[in-house]
Amino acid sequence: MMIILKTPRCLIRPFERQDIESFMTYRNDLDWMKHQSFKGLTREEYENVLLGEQSLQHGMQLAIIDQATEELIGDVYIQQEDQTYWIGYTIAPTRARQGYAFEVMSGLIRHLTGQGAKEFKAGVHGTNTASIALLKKLKFTFFATELDEQIYRLDVSDIW
């Protein structure tokens, strides 16, 4: 399934070759990415993942594009397990704290709920207070700890 989605300010779409340079700028900023995996790779490694075949069952990384400037400002990750979707998000440091992650994740959750999603989960490092605050704002609740991550869960029948 191809996902293309618009929110008030953003376009969520598959990655294109011209996105890779901007993607590498924030993904390879190891201080900014301290709470994330999928970082510090070569251009070829990123291209293989982002421009290759992706599916919801194996995980899909999508670009977040600012509709006004057509710049890549972040990315989202989605993986489907039956009616549960694992989601992740990264916003470039130049666009942080401007409401983009909340806008994009709200739109994505509404979209996937409309496609039959019943539950969402997100893994976050306990030190990533900004991400935990975003999940709580999206009505996720703490679910479990697995390895070094806290798992937050949203049951859409409770909220949406």
Protein backbone atom coordinates (compact mmCIF):
# COMPACT_ATOMS: atom_id res chain seq x y z
CA MET A 1 0.00 0.00 0.00
CA MET A 2 1.39 3.40 -0.94
CA ILE A 3 0.71 6.12 1.61
CA ILE A 4 0.47 9.75 0.56
CA LEU A 5 -1.17 12.07 3.04
CA LYS A 6 -1.54 15.81 3.51
CA THR A 7 -1.81 17.67 6.80
CA PRO A 8 -2.33 21.45 7.01
CA ARG A 9 1.38 22.20 6.51
CA CYS A 10 2.93 18.91 5.42
CA LEU A 11 2.92 16.24 2.76
CA ILE A 12 3.78 12.69 3.84
CA ARG A 13 4.99 10.62 0.90
CA PRO A 14 7.53 7.98 -0.12
CA PHE A 15 11.14 9.16 -0.28
CA GLU A 16 12.57 10.41 -3.55
CA ARG A 17 16.22 10.64 -4.57
CA GLN A 18 16.36 14.43 -4.02
CA ASP A 19 15.41 13.90 -0.33
CA ILE A 20 18.49 11.86 0.58
CA GLU A 21 20.91 14.77 1.12
CA SER A 22 18.56 16.57 3.54
CA PHE A 23 17.77 13.26 5.26
CA MET A 24 21.48 12.62 5.80
CA THR A 25 21.98 16.12 7.24
CA TYR A 26 19.82 15.43 10.31
CA ARG A 27 20.12 11.62 10.49
CA ASN A 28 23.91 11.84 10.66
CA ASP A 29 23.85 14.58 13.32
CA LEU A 30 24.65 12.09 16.06
CA ASP A 31 23.98 14.54 18.89
CA TRP A 32 20.47 15.30 17.56
CA MET A 33 19.86 11.60 16.87
CA LYS A 34 21.05 10.33 20.26
CA HIS A 35 17.64 8.76 21.00
CA GLN A 36 17.23 7.18 17.54
CA SER A 37 18.46 4.21 15.58
CA PHE A 38 18.91 4.26 11.76
CA LYS A 39 21.66 6.89 11.78
CA GLY A 40 25.26 7.44 10.78
CA LEU A 41 24.95 5.45 7.54
CA THR A 42 26.37 6.14 4.09
CA ARG A 43 24.37 7.67 1.26
CA GLU A 44 24.23 4.27 -0.46
CA GLU A 45 22.94 2.54 2.69
CA TYR A 46 20.18 5.13 3.12
CA GLU A 47 19.23 4.98 -0.56
CA ASN A 48 18.97 1.18 -0.44
CA VAL A 49 16.46 1.39 2.41
CA LEU A 50 14.56 4.56 1.51
CA LEU A 51 14.34 4.14 -2.26
CA GLY A 52 14.03 0.35 -2.31
CA GLU A 53 10.92 -1.79 -1.94
CA GLN A 54 9.14 -1.04 1.31
CA SER A 55 6.01 -2.58 2.80
CA LEU A 56 3.94 -1.98 5.89
CA GLN A 57 4.64 -5.54 7.06
CA HIS A 58 8.42 -5.03 7.00
CA GLY A 59 8.40 -1.35 7.91
CA MET A 60 8.11 1.76 5.79
CA GLN A 61 9.95 5.06 6.13
CA LEU A 62 8.12 8.07 4.67
CA ALA A 63 9.27 11.63 4.04
CA ILE A 64 7.67 14.64 5.74
CA ILE A 65 7.72 17.55 3.28
CA ASP A 66 6.90 21.18 4.13
CA GLN A 67 4.23 22.02 1.54
CA ALA A 68 5.19 25.71 1.50
CA THR A 69 8.92 25.24 0.83
CA GLU A 70 8.96 21.65 -0.52
CA GLU A 71 11.80 20.90 1.92
CA LEU A 72 12.24 17.59 3.71
CA ILE A 73 11.68 18.39 7.41
CA GLY A 74 11.54 14.89 8.90
CA ASP A 75 10.37 11.33 8.46
CA VAL A 76 7.93 8.81 9.87
CA TYR A 77 8.24 5.06 10.28
CA ILE A 78 5.25 2.71 10.12
CA GLN A 79 5.15 -1.05 10.56
CA GLN A 80 1.94 -3.06 10.60
CA GLU A 81 1.31 -6.18 12.70
CA ASP A 82 -2.29 -7.18 12.00
CA GLN A 83 -4.39 -4.23 13.27
CA THR A 84 -1.52 -2.77 15.32
CA TYR A 85 0.78 -0.17 13.81
CA TRP A 86 4.21 0.66 15.22
CA ILE A 87 5.04 4.29 14.52
CA GLY A 88 8.11 6.43 14.86
CA TYR A 89 8.98 9.98 13.88
CA THR A 90 11.92 12.30 13.51
CA ILE A 91 11.85 16.03 12.83
CA ALA A 92 14.94 17.89 11.62
CA PRO A 93 16.47 20.08 14.36
CA THR A 94 15.78 23.25 12.33
CA ARG A 95 12.03 22.45 12.51
CA ALA A 96 11.83 21.10 16.06
CA ARG A 97 9.34 22.46 18.60
CA GLN A 98 7.04 23.95 15.95
CA GLY A 99 4.19 21.42 16.18
CA TYR A 100 5.11 19.44 13.06
CA ALA A 101 5.41 16.06 14.81
CA PHE A 102 2.02 16.45 16.51
CA GLU A 103 0.37 17.58 13.27
CA VAL A 104 1.87 14.76 11.20
CA MET A 105 1.30 12.00 13.76
CA SER A 106 -2.31 13.11 14.41
CA GLY A 107 -2.99 13.03 10.67
CA LEU A 108 -1.28 9.67 10.24
CA ILE A 109 -3.17 8.09 13.15
CA ARG A 110 -6.50 9.37 11.75
CA HIS A 111 -5.60 8.08 8.27
CA LEU A 112 -4.54 4.61 9.46
CA THR A 113 -7.54 4.34 11.80
CA GLY A 114 -9.68 4.96 8.73
CA GLN A 115 -7.84 2.03 7.09
CA GLY A 116 -8.75 -0.29 9.98
CA ALA A 117 -5.99 0.27 12.53
CA LYS A 118 -7.12 -0.59 16.06
CA GLU A 119 -3.97 0.12 18.03
CA PHE A 120 -0.73 2.08 17.75
CA LYS A 121 2.53 1.48 19.56
CA ALA A 122 5.70 3.53 19.76
CA GLY A 123 9.03 2.73 21.38
CA VAL A 124 10.97 5.58 22.96
CA HIS A 125 14.09 5.89 25.06
CA GLY A 126 13.25 6.97 28.59
CA THR A 127 15.55 9.98 28.30
CA ASN A 128 13.69 11.32 25.24
CA THR A 129 11.37 13.58 27.21
CA ALA A 130 10.19 15.55 24.15
CA SER A 131 9.03 12.40 22.40
CA ILE A 132 7.33 11.06 25.54
CA ALA A 133 5.51 14.39 25.93
CA LEU A 134 4.34 14.17 22.30
CA LEU A 135 3.04 10.62 22.77
CA LYS A 136 1.12 11.69 25.88
CA LYS A 137 -0.34 14.66 23.99
CA LEU A 138 -1.48 12.16 21.32
CA LYS A 139 -3.21 10.19 24.14
CA PHE A 140 -0.73 7.29 24.21
CA THR A 141 -0.18 5.65 27.60
CA PHE A 142 2.83 3.81 28.98
CA PHE A 143 2.50 0.10 28.21
CA ALA A 144 5.75 -1.77 28.96
CA THR A 145 9.52 -1.61 28.93
CA GLU A 146 11.34 -3.76 26.39
CA LEU A 147 15.14 -3.80 26.39
CA ASP A 148 16.14 -0.13 26.61
CA GLU A 149 12.87 1.30 25.31
CA GLN A 150 9.61 2.33 26.89
CA ILE A 151 6.64 1.20 24.83
CA TYR A 152 3.65 3.54 24.63
CA ARG A 153 0.28 2.40 23.32
CA LEU A 154 -2.84 4.01 21.90
CA ASP A 155 -6.04 1.96 21.61
CA VAL A 156 -8.09 3.92 19.09
CA SER A 157 -11.37 2.54 20.41
CA ASP A 158 -10.60 4.42 23.65
CA ILE A 159 -9.97 7.77 22.02
CA TRP A 160 -10.88 8.26 18.37
